[in-house]
C-alpha atoms as a PDB file:
ATOM      1  CA  MET A   1     -58.583   9.232 195.899  1.00  0.00           C
ATOM      2  CA  LYS A   2     -61.084   6.345 195.633  1.00  0.00           C
ATOM      3  CA  LYS A   3     -59.614   5.395 192.205  1.00  0.00           C
ATOM      4  CA  ILE A   4     -56.099   5.328 193.626  1.00  0.00           C
ATOM      5  CA  ILE A   5     -57.141   3.052 196.510  1.00  0.00           C
ATOM      6  CA  LEU A   6     -59.088   0.742 194.223  1.00  0.00           C
ATOM      7  CA  THR A   7     -56.179   0.550 191.821  1.00  0.00           C
ATOM      8  CA  ALA A   8     -53.767  -0.218 194.683  1.00  0.00           C
ATOM      9  CA  LEU A   9     -56.060  -2.954 195.990  1.00  0.00           C
ATOM     10  CA  MET A  10     -56.315  -4.519 192.527  1.00  0.00           C
ATOM     11  CA  VAL A  11     -52.517  -4.513 192.093  1.00  0.00           C
ATOM     12  CA  ILE A  12     -51.950  -6.011 195.545  1.00  0.00           C
ATOM     13  CA  SER A  13     -54.623  -8.707 195.077  1.00  0.00           C
ATOM     14  CA  THR A  14     -53.322  -9.546 191.555  1.00  0.00           C
ATOM     15  CA  SER A  15     -49.752  -9.961 192.783  1.00  0.00           C
ATOM     16  CA  ALA A  16     -50.937 -11.958 195.852  1.00  0.00           C
ATOM     17  CA  MET A  17     -52.857 -14.307 193.610  1.00  0.00           C
ATOM     18  CA  ALA A  18     -49.757 -14.780 191.419  1.00  0.00           C
ATOM     19  CA  GLU A  19     -47.860 -16.140 194.469  1.00  0.00           C
ATOM     20  CA  ILE A  20     -50.441 -18.856 195.271  1.00  0.00           C
ATOM     21  CA  SER A  21     -49.777 -22.328 193.952  1.00  0.00           C
ATOM     22  CA  TYR A  22     -51.629 -25.535 194.440  1.00  0.00           C
ATOM     23  CA  SER A  23     -50.920 -29.235 194.464  1.00  0.00           C
ATOM     24  CA  MET A  24     -52.710 -32.579 194.606  1.00  0.00           C
ATOM     25  CA  PRO A  25     -55.960 -31.593 192.803  1.00  0.00           C
ATOM     26  CA  ALA A  26     -58.193 -34.633 192.773  1.00  0.00           C
ATOM     27  CA  LEU A  27     -61.651 -36.081 192.661  1.00  0.00           C
ATOM     28  CA  GLU A  28     -62.423 -38.230 195.677  1.00  0.00           C
ATOM     29  CA  VAL A  29     -64.941 -41.015 196.319  1.00  0.00           C
ATOM     30  CA  GLY A  30     -65.116 -43.309 199.261  1.00  0.00           C
ATOM     31  CA  PHE A  31     -66.803 -44.501 202.377  1.00  0.00           C
ATOM     32  CA  LYS A  32     -66.985 -43.704 206.050  1.00  0.00           C
ATOM     33  CA  TRP A  33     -67.850 -45.996 208.986  1.00  0.00           C
ATOM     34  CA  ASN A  34     -69.749 -43.686 211.323  1.00  0.00           C
ATOM     35  CA  SER A  35     -71.482 -43.922 214.697  1.00  0.00           C
ATOM     36  CA  MET A  36     -73.253 -41.380 216.984  1.00  0.00           C
ATOM     37  CA  ASP A  37     -74.438 -41.420 220.584  1.00  0.00           C
ATOM     38  CA  GLY A  38     -78.229 -41.544 220.765  1.00  0.00           C
ATOM     39  CA  LEU A  39     -80.055 -40.267 223.839  1.00  0.00           C
ATOM     40  CA  GLY A  40     -81.464 -43.211 225.777  1.00  0.00           C
ATOM     41  CA  ALA A  41     -79.899 -45.778 223.419  1.00  0.00           C
ATOM     42  CA  ILE A  42     -79.107 -49.215 224.793  1.00  0.00           C
ATOM     43  CA  SER A  43     -76.465 -49.562 222.055  1.00  0.00           C
ATOM     44  CA  ASN A  44     -75.012 -47.412 219.279  1.00  0.00           C
ATOM     45  CA  LYS A  45     -73.843 -49.200 216.117  1.00  0.00           C
ATOM     46  CA  GLN A  46     -71.706 -48.340 213.123  1.00  0.00           C
ATOM     47  CA  SER A  47     -73.138 -47.592 209.701  1.00  0.00           C
ATOM     48  CA  MET A  48     -71.502 -46.934 206.379  1.00  0.00           C
ATOM     49  CA  GLY A  49     -71.959 -43.664 204.541  1.00  0.00           C
ATOM     50  CA  ILE A  50     -70.461 -42.253 201.391  1.00  0.00           C
ATOM     51  CA  GLN A  51     -68.292 -39.217 200.695  1.00  0.00           C
ATOM     52  CA  VAL A  52     -67.670 -37.764 197.240  1.00  0.00           C
ATOM     53  CA  GLY A  53     -66.204 -34.510 196.027  1.00  0.00           C
ATOM     54  CA  GLY A  54     -63.053 -32.678 194.933  1.00  0.00           C
ATOM     55  CA  SER A  55     -60.021 -31.400 196.802  1.00  0.00           C
ATOM     56  CA  THR A  56     -56.775 -29.545 196.337  1.00  0.00           C
ATOM     57  CA  VAL A  57     -53.957 -28.240 198.483  1.00  0.00           C
ATOM     58  CA  LEU A  58     -53.217 -24.501 198.438  1.00  0.00           C
ATOM     59  CA  ASN A  59     -49.478 -24.325 199.050  1.00  0.00           C
ATOM     60  CA  ILE A  60     -48.232 -21.913 201.667  1.00  0.00           C
ATOM     61  CA  ASN A  61     -44.632 -23.088 201.040  1.00  0.00           C
ATOM     62  CA  SER A  62     -42.944 -26.337 200.038  1.00  0.00           C
ATOM     63  CA  GLU A  63     -43.742 -27.998 203.397  1.00  0.00           C
ATOM     64  CA  PHE A  64     -47.148 -26.581 204.413  1.00  0.00           C
ATOM     65  CA  GLY A  65     -50.494 -26.062 202.689  1.00  0.00           C
ATOM     66  CA  VAL A  66     -54.217 -25.775 203.261  1.00  0.00           C
ATOM     67  CA  ARG A  67     -56.279 -28.740 202.008  1.00  0.00           C
ATOM     68  CA  THR A  68     -59.725 -27.537 200.783  1.00  0.00           C
ATOM     69  CA  GLY A  69     -62.478 -28.510 198.368  1.00  0.00           C
ATOM     70  CA  LEU A  70     -66.168 -29.355 198.262  1.00  0.00           C
ATOM     71  CA  PHE A  71     -67.690 -32.674 199.371  1.00  0.00           C
ATOM     72  CA  TYR A  72     -71.053 -34.423 199.757  1.00  0.00           C
ATOM     73  CA  SER A  73     -70.773 -36.352 203.036  1.00  0.00           C
ATOM     74  CA  GLU A  74     -73.215 -38.670 204.799  1.00  0.00           C
ATOM     75  CA  ARG A  75     -73.247 -39.210 208.594  1.00  0.00           C
ATOM     76  CA  PRO A  76     -75.332 -42.336 209.197  1.00  0.00           C
ATOM     77  CA  PHE A  77     -76.377 -43.595 212.588  1.00  0.00           C
ATOM     78  CA  LYS A  78     -77.941 -46.761 213.954  1.00  0.00           C
ATOM     79  CA  GLY A  79     -78.936 -47.835 217.486  1.00  0.00           C
ATOM     80  CA  GLU A  80     -81.199 -49.730 219.760  1.00  0.00           C
ATOM     81  CA  LEU A  81     -83.719 -48.220 222.124  1.00  0.00           C
ATOM     82  CA  SER A  82     -85.780 -50.170 224.657  1.00  0.00           C
ATOM     83  CA  SER A  83     -88.735 -49.703 222.258  1.00  0.00           C
ATOM     84  CA  GLY A  84     -86.786 -51.072 219.253  1.00  0.00           C
ATOM     85  CA  PRO A  85     -84.123 -50.273 216.629  1.00  0.00           C
ATOM     86  CA  TYR A  86     -83.639 -46.974 214.793  1.00  0.00           C
ATOM     87  CA  GLU A  87     -81.444 -45.843 211.917  1.00  0.00           C
ATOM     88  CA  GLY A  88     -81.009 -42.868 209.690  1.00  0.00           C
ATOM     89  CA  LYS A  89     -78.539 -40.383 208.193  1.00  0.00           C
ATOM     90  CA  ILE A  90     -77.912 -36.647 207.906  1.00  0.00           C
ATOM     91  CA  SER A  91     -76.169 -35.515 204.713  1.00  0.00           C
ATOM     92  CA  TYR A  92     -74.010 -32.406 204.362  1.00  0.00           C
ATOM     93  CA  ALA A  93     -72.167 -30.229 201.843  1.00  0.00           C
ATOM     94  CA  GLU A  94     -68.687 -29.650 203.340  1.00  0.00           C
ATOM     95  CA  VAL A  95     -65.825 -27.270 202.705  1.00  0.00           C
ATOM     96  CA  PRO A  96     -62.685 -28.483 204.493  1.00  0.00           C
ATOM     97  CA  VAL A  97     -60.033 -26.132 205.836  1.00  0.00           C
ATOM     98  CA  HIS A  98     -57.334 -28.628 206.823  1.00  0.00           C
ATOM     99  CA  PHE A  99     -53.777 -27.575 207.616  1.00  0.00           C
ATOM    100  CA  MET A 100     -51.424 -30.007 205.836  1.00  0.00           C
ATOM    101  CA  PHE A 101     -47.820 -30.876 206.493  1.00  0.00           C
ATOM    102  CA  LYS A 102     -46.515 -32.075 203.135  1.00  0.00           C
ATOM    103  CA  LEU A 103     -44.126 -34.979 203.363  1.00  0.00           C
ATOM    104  CA  GLU A 104     -43.570 -34.881 199.605  1.00  0.00           C
ATOM    105  CA  ASP A 105     -45.358 -33.284 196.675  1.00  0.00           C
ATOM    106  CA  PHE A 106     -47.601 -36.329 196.544  1.00  0.00           C
ATOM    107  CA  ALA A 107     -48.164 -37.083 200.292  1.00  0.00           C
ATOM    108  CA  GLY A 108     -49.050 -35.301 203.474  1.00  0.00           C
ATOM    109  CA  ILE A 109     -50.807 -35.449 206.819  1.00  0.00           C
ATOM    110  CA  TYR A 110     -53.479 -32.933 207.794  1.00  0.00           C
ATOM    111  CA  ILE A 111     -55.746 -31.783 210.645  1.00  0.00           C
ATOM    112  CA  GLY A 112     -58.432 -29.134 210.798  1.00  0.00           C
ATOM    113  CA  PRO A 113     -62.143 -28.252 210.699  1.00  0.00           C
ATOM    114  CA  SER A 114     -64.676 -28.411 207.930  1.00  0.00           C
ATOM    115  CA  LEU A 115     -67.650 -26.143 207.453  1.00  0.00           C
ATOM    116  CA  ALA A 116     -70.605 -28.542 206.969  1.00  0.00           C
ATOM    117  CA  MET A 117     -74.064 -27.355 205.859  1.00  0.00           C
ATOM    118  CA  LYS A 118     -76.988 -29.718 206.201  1.00  0.00           C
ATOM    119  CA  LEU A 119     -78.564 -30.944 202.972  1.00  0.00           C
ATOM    120  CA  GLY A 120     -81.030 -33.599 204.145  1.00  0.00           C
ATOM    121  CA  ASP A 121     -82.005 -36.071 206.838  1.00  0.00           C
ATOM    122  CA  GLU A 122     -83.906 -39.290 207.339  1.00  0.00           C
ATOM    123  CA  ILE A 123     -84.738 -41.672 210.179  1.00  0.00           C
ATOM    124  CA  THR A 124     -86.731 -44.870 210.550  1.00  0.00           C
ATOM    125  CA  CYS A 125     -87.787 -46.559 213.830  1.00  0.00           C
ATOM    126  CA  ALA A 126     -89.435 -49.719 214.939  1.00  0.00           C
ATOM    127  CA  PRO A 127     -92.246 -50.157 215.917  1.00  0.00           C
ATOM    128  CA  GLY A 128     -93.581 -46.811 214.765  1.00  0.00           C
ATOM    129  CA  PRO A 129     -93.099 -43.343 213.360  1.00  0.00           C
ATOM    130  CA  CYS A 130     -90.298 -41.113 214.562  1.00  0.00           C
ATOM    131  CA  ASN A 131     -88.585 -37.898 213.478  1.00  0.00           C
ATOM    132  CA  LEU A 132     -85.428 -35.864 213.979  1.00  0.00           C
ATOM    133  CA  THR A 133     -85.937 -32.488 215.600  1.00  0.00           C
ATOM    134  CA  ASP A 134     -83.702 -29.526 216.216  1.00  0.00           C
ATOM    135  CA  ILE A 135     -81.222 -30.574 213.534  1.00  0.00           C
ATOM    136  CA  LYS A 136     -78.257 -28.196 213.415  1.00  0.00           C
ATOM    137  CA  PRO A 137     -78.109 -26.466 210.015  1.00  0.00           C
ATOM    138  CA  MET A 138     -74.325 -26.137 210.313  1.00  0.00           C
ATOM    139  CA  ILE A 139     -71.664 -28.162 212.171  1.00  0.00           C
ATOM    140  CA  LEU A 140     -67.810 -28.083 212.387  1.00  0.00           C
ATOM    141  CA  PRO A 141     -66.327 -31.570 212.129  1.00  0.00           C
ATOM    142  CA  ILE A 142     -62.635 -31.882 213.074  1.00  0.00           C
ATOM    143  CA  THR A 143     -60.645 -34.252 210.827  1.00  0.00           C
ATOM    144  CA  PHE A 144     -57.224 -35.846 211.117  1.00  0.00           C
ATOM    145  CA  GLY A 145     -55.906 -37.717 208.086  1.00  0.00           C
ATOM    146  CA  ALA A 146     -53.265 -38.576 205.587  1.00  0.00           C
ATOM    147  CA  GLN A 147     -53.361 -38.620 201.782  1.00  0.00           C
ATOM    148  CA  PHE A 148     -50.892 -39.892 199.287  1.00  0.00           C
ATOM    149  CA  LYS A 149     -50.607 -40.947 195.651  1.00  0.00           C
ATOM    150  CA  PHE A 150     -49.297 -44.430 194.809  1.00  0.00           C
ATOM    151  CA  THR A 151     -49.288 -43.759 191.020  1.00  0.00           C
ATOM    152  CA  PRO A 152     -49.262 -40.361 189.239  1.00  0.00           C
ATOM    153  CA  ASN A 153     -53.097 -40.363 188.920  1.00  0.00           C
ATOM    154  CA  LEU A 154     -54.320 -42.610 191.850  1.00  0.00           C
ATOM    155  CA  GLY A 155     -54.047 -42.254 195.552  1.00  0.00           C
ATOM    156  CA  LEU A 156     -55.772 -42.701 198.942  1.00  0.00           C
ATOM    157  CA  ASN A 157     -57.094 -40.385 201.603  1.00  0.00           C
ATOM    158  CA  LEU A 158     -57.399 -42.040 205.055  1.00  0.00           C
ATOM    159  CA  PHE A 159     -59.058 -40.068 207.810  1.00  0.00           C
ATOM    160  CA  PHE A 160     -60.712 -39.937 211.253  1.00  0.00           C
ATOM    161  CA  GLU A 161     -63.281 -37.266 212.036  1.00  0.00           C
ATOM    162  CA  THR A 162     -65.299 -36.232 215.035  1.00  0.00           C
ATOM    163  CA  VAL A 163     -68.149 -33.808 215.598  1.00  0.00           C
ATOM    164  CA  PRO A 164     -67.973 -32.997 219.357  1.00  0.00           C
ATOM    165  CA  SER A 165     -71.369 -31.251 219.427  1.00  0.00           C
ATOM    166  CA  ASP A 166     -74.995 -32.131 218.998  1.00  0.00           C
ATOM    167  CA  LEU A 167     -76.188 -32.862 215.445  1.00  0.00           C
ATOM    168  CA  ALA A 168     -79.887 -33.036 216.418  1.00  0.00           C
ATOM    169  CA  LEU A 169     -81.962 -33.380 219.487  1.00  0.00           C
ATOM    170  CA  GLY A 170     -80.825 -36.700 221.038  1.00  0.00           C
ATOM    171  CA  LEU A 171     -77.934 -37.275 218.582  1.00  0.00           C
ATOM    172  CA  LYS A 172     -74.385 -36.205 219.496  1.00  0.00           C
ATOM    173  CA  ASN A 173     -70.693 -37.103 219.222  1.00  0.00           C
ATOM    174  CA  SER A 174     -70.523 -38.253 215.657  1.00  0.00           C
ATOM    175  CA  ARG A 175     -67.346 -40.290 214.936  1.00  0.00           C
ATOM    176  CA  GLY A 176     -66.163 -41.696 211.686  1.00  0.00           C
ATOM    177  CA  ILE A 177     -63.229 -43.341 210.046  1.00  0.00           C
ATOM    178  CA  GLY A 178     -62.979 -43.507 206.307  1.00  0.00           C
ATOM    179  CA  MET A 179     -61.102 -44.000 203.087  1.00  0.00           C
ATOM    180  CA  ASN A 180     -61.449 -42.150 199.801  1.00  0.00           C
ATOM    181  CA  LEU A 181     -59.920 -43.080 196.456  1.00  0.00           C
ATOM    182  CA  LEU A 182     -58.172 -40.110 194.829  1.00  0.00           C
ATOM    183  CA  VAL A 183     -58.149 -39.571 191.080  1.00  0.00           C
ATOM    184  CA  ALA A 184     -55.507 -36.890 190.692  1.00  0.00           C
ATOM    185  CA  PHE A 185     -55.157 -34.322 187.817  1.00  0.00           C
ATOM    186  CA  GLU A 186     -51.526 -33.236 187.798  1.00  0.00           C
END
């Protein structure tokens, strides 16, 4: 009985995999202007971070898909406390799960979460030493964006993202707007 069930599962999964198609596979590299709210900050400023990785769209049908991939993403922050300035960044490995409405085979708009796992962090303060505490090991940024190709092998990904939760003790509400260059492989 176990052999029959395993054989049936293998046949079903093989036929399901045959139905899945993908589009817009690409390497992406770009930047993101980011800011966060710091506890007790007099002002919060924007900082530029980088984002690099690969993406593809798993097609559900001709009009809808799921944009996914793997990215290295920085979320920098900068601000001013009454004691002086501070700045730093938290870096993440991200797997997006964005639902895309495909306008064409080469363009679409998307929205959805990403699963972001912390890789590293750093902070500097004036006048003296400081540190980040209670850094969340995993966050769920929500992203809204559009991507399109303007030549067969080049395109852009424009996006806005927000992390509505705390990233660390005293750092919350990360917001960023960015642009990635796409190098497509179709």
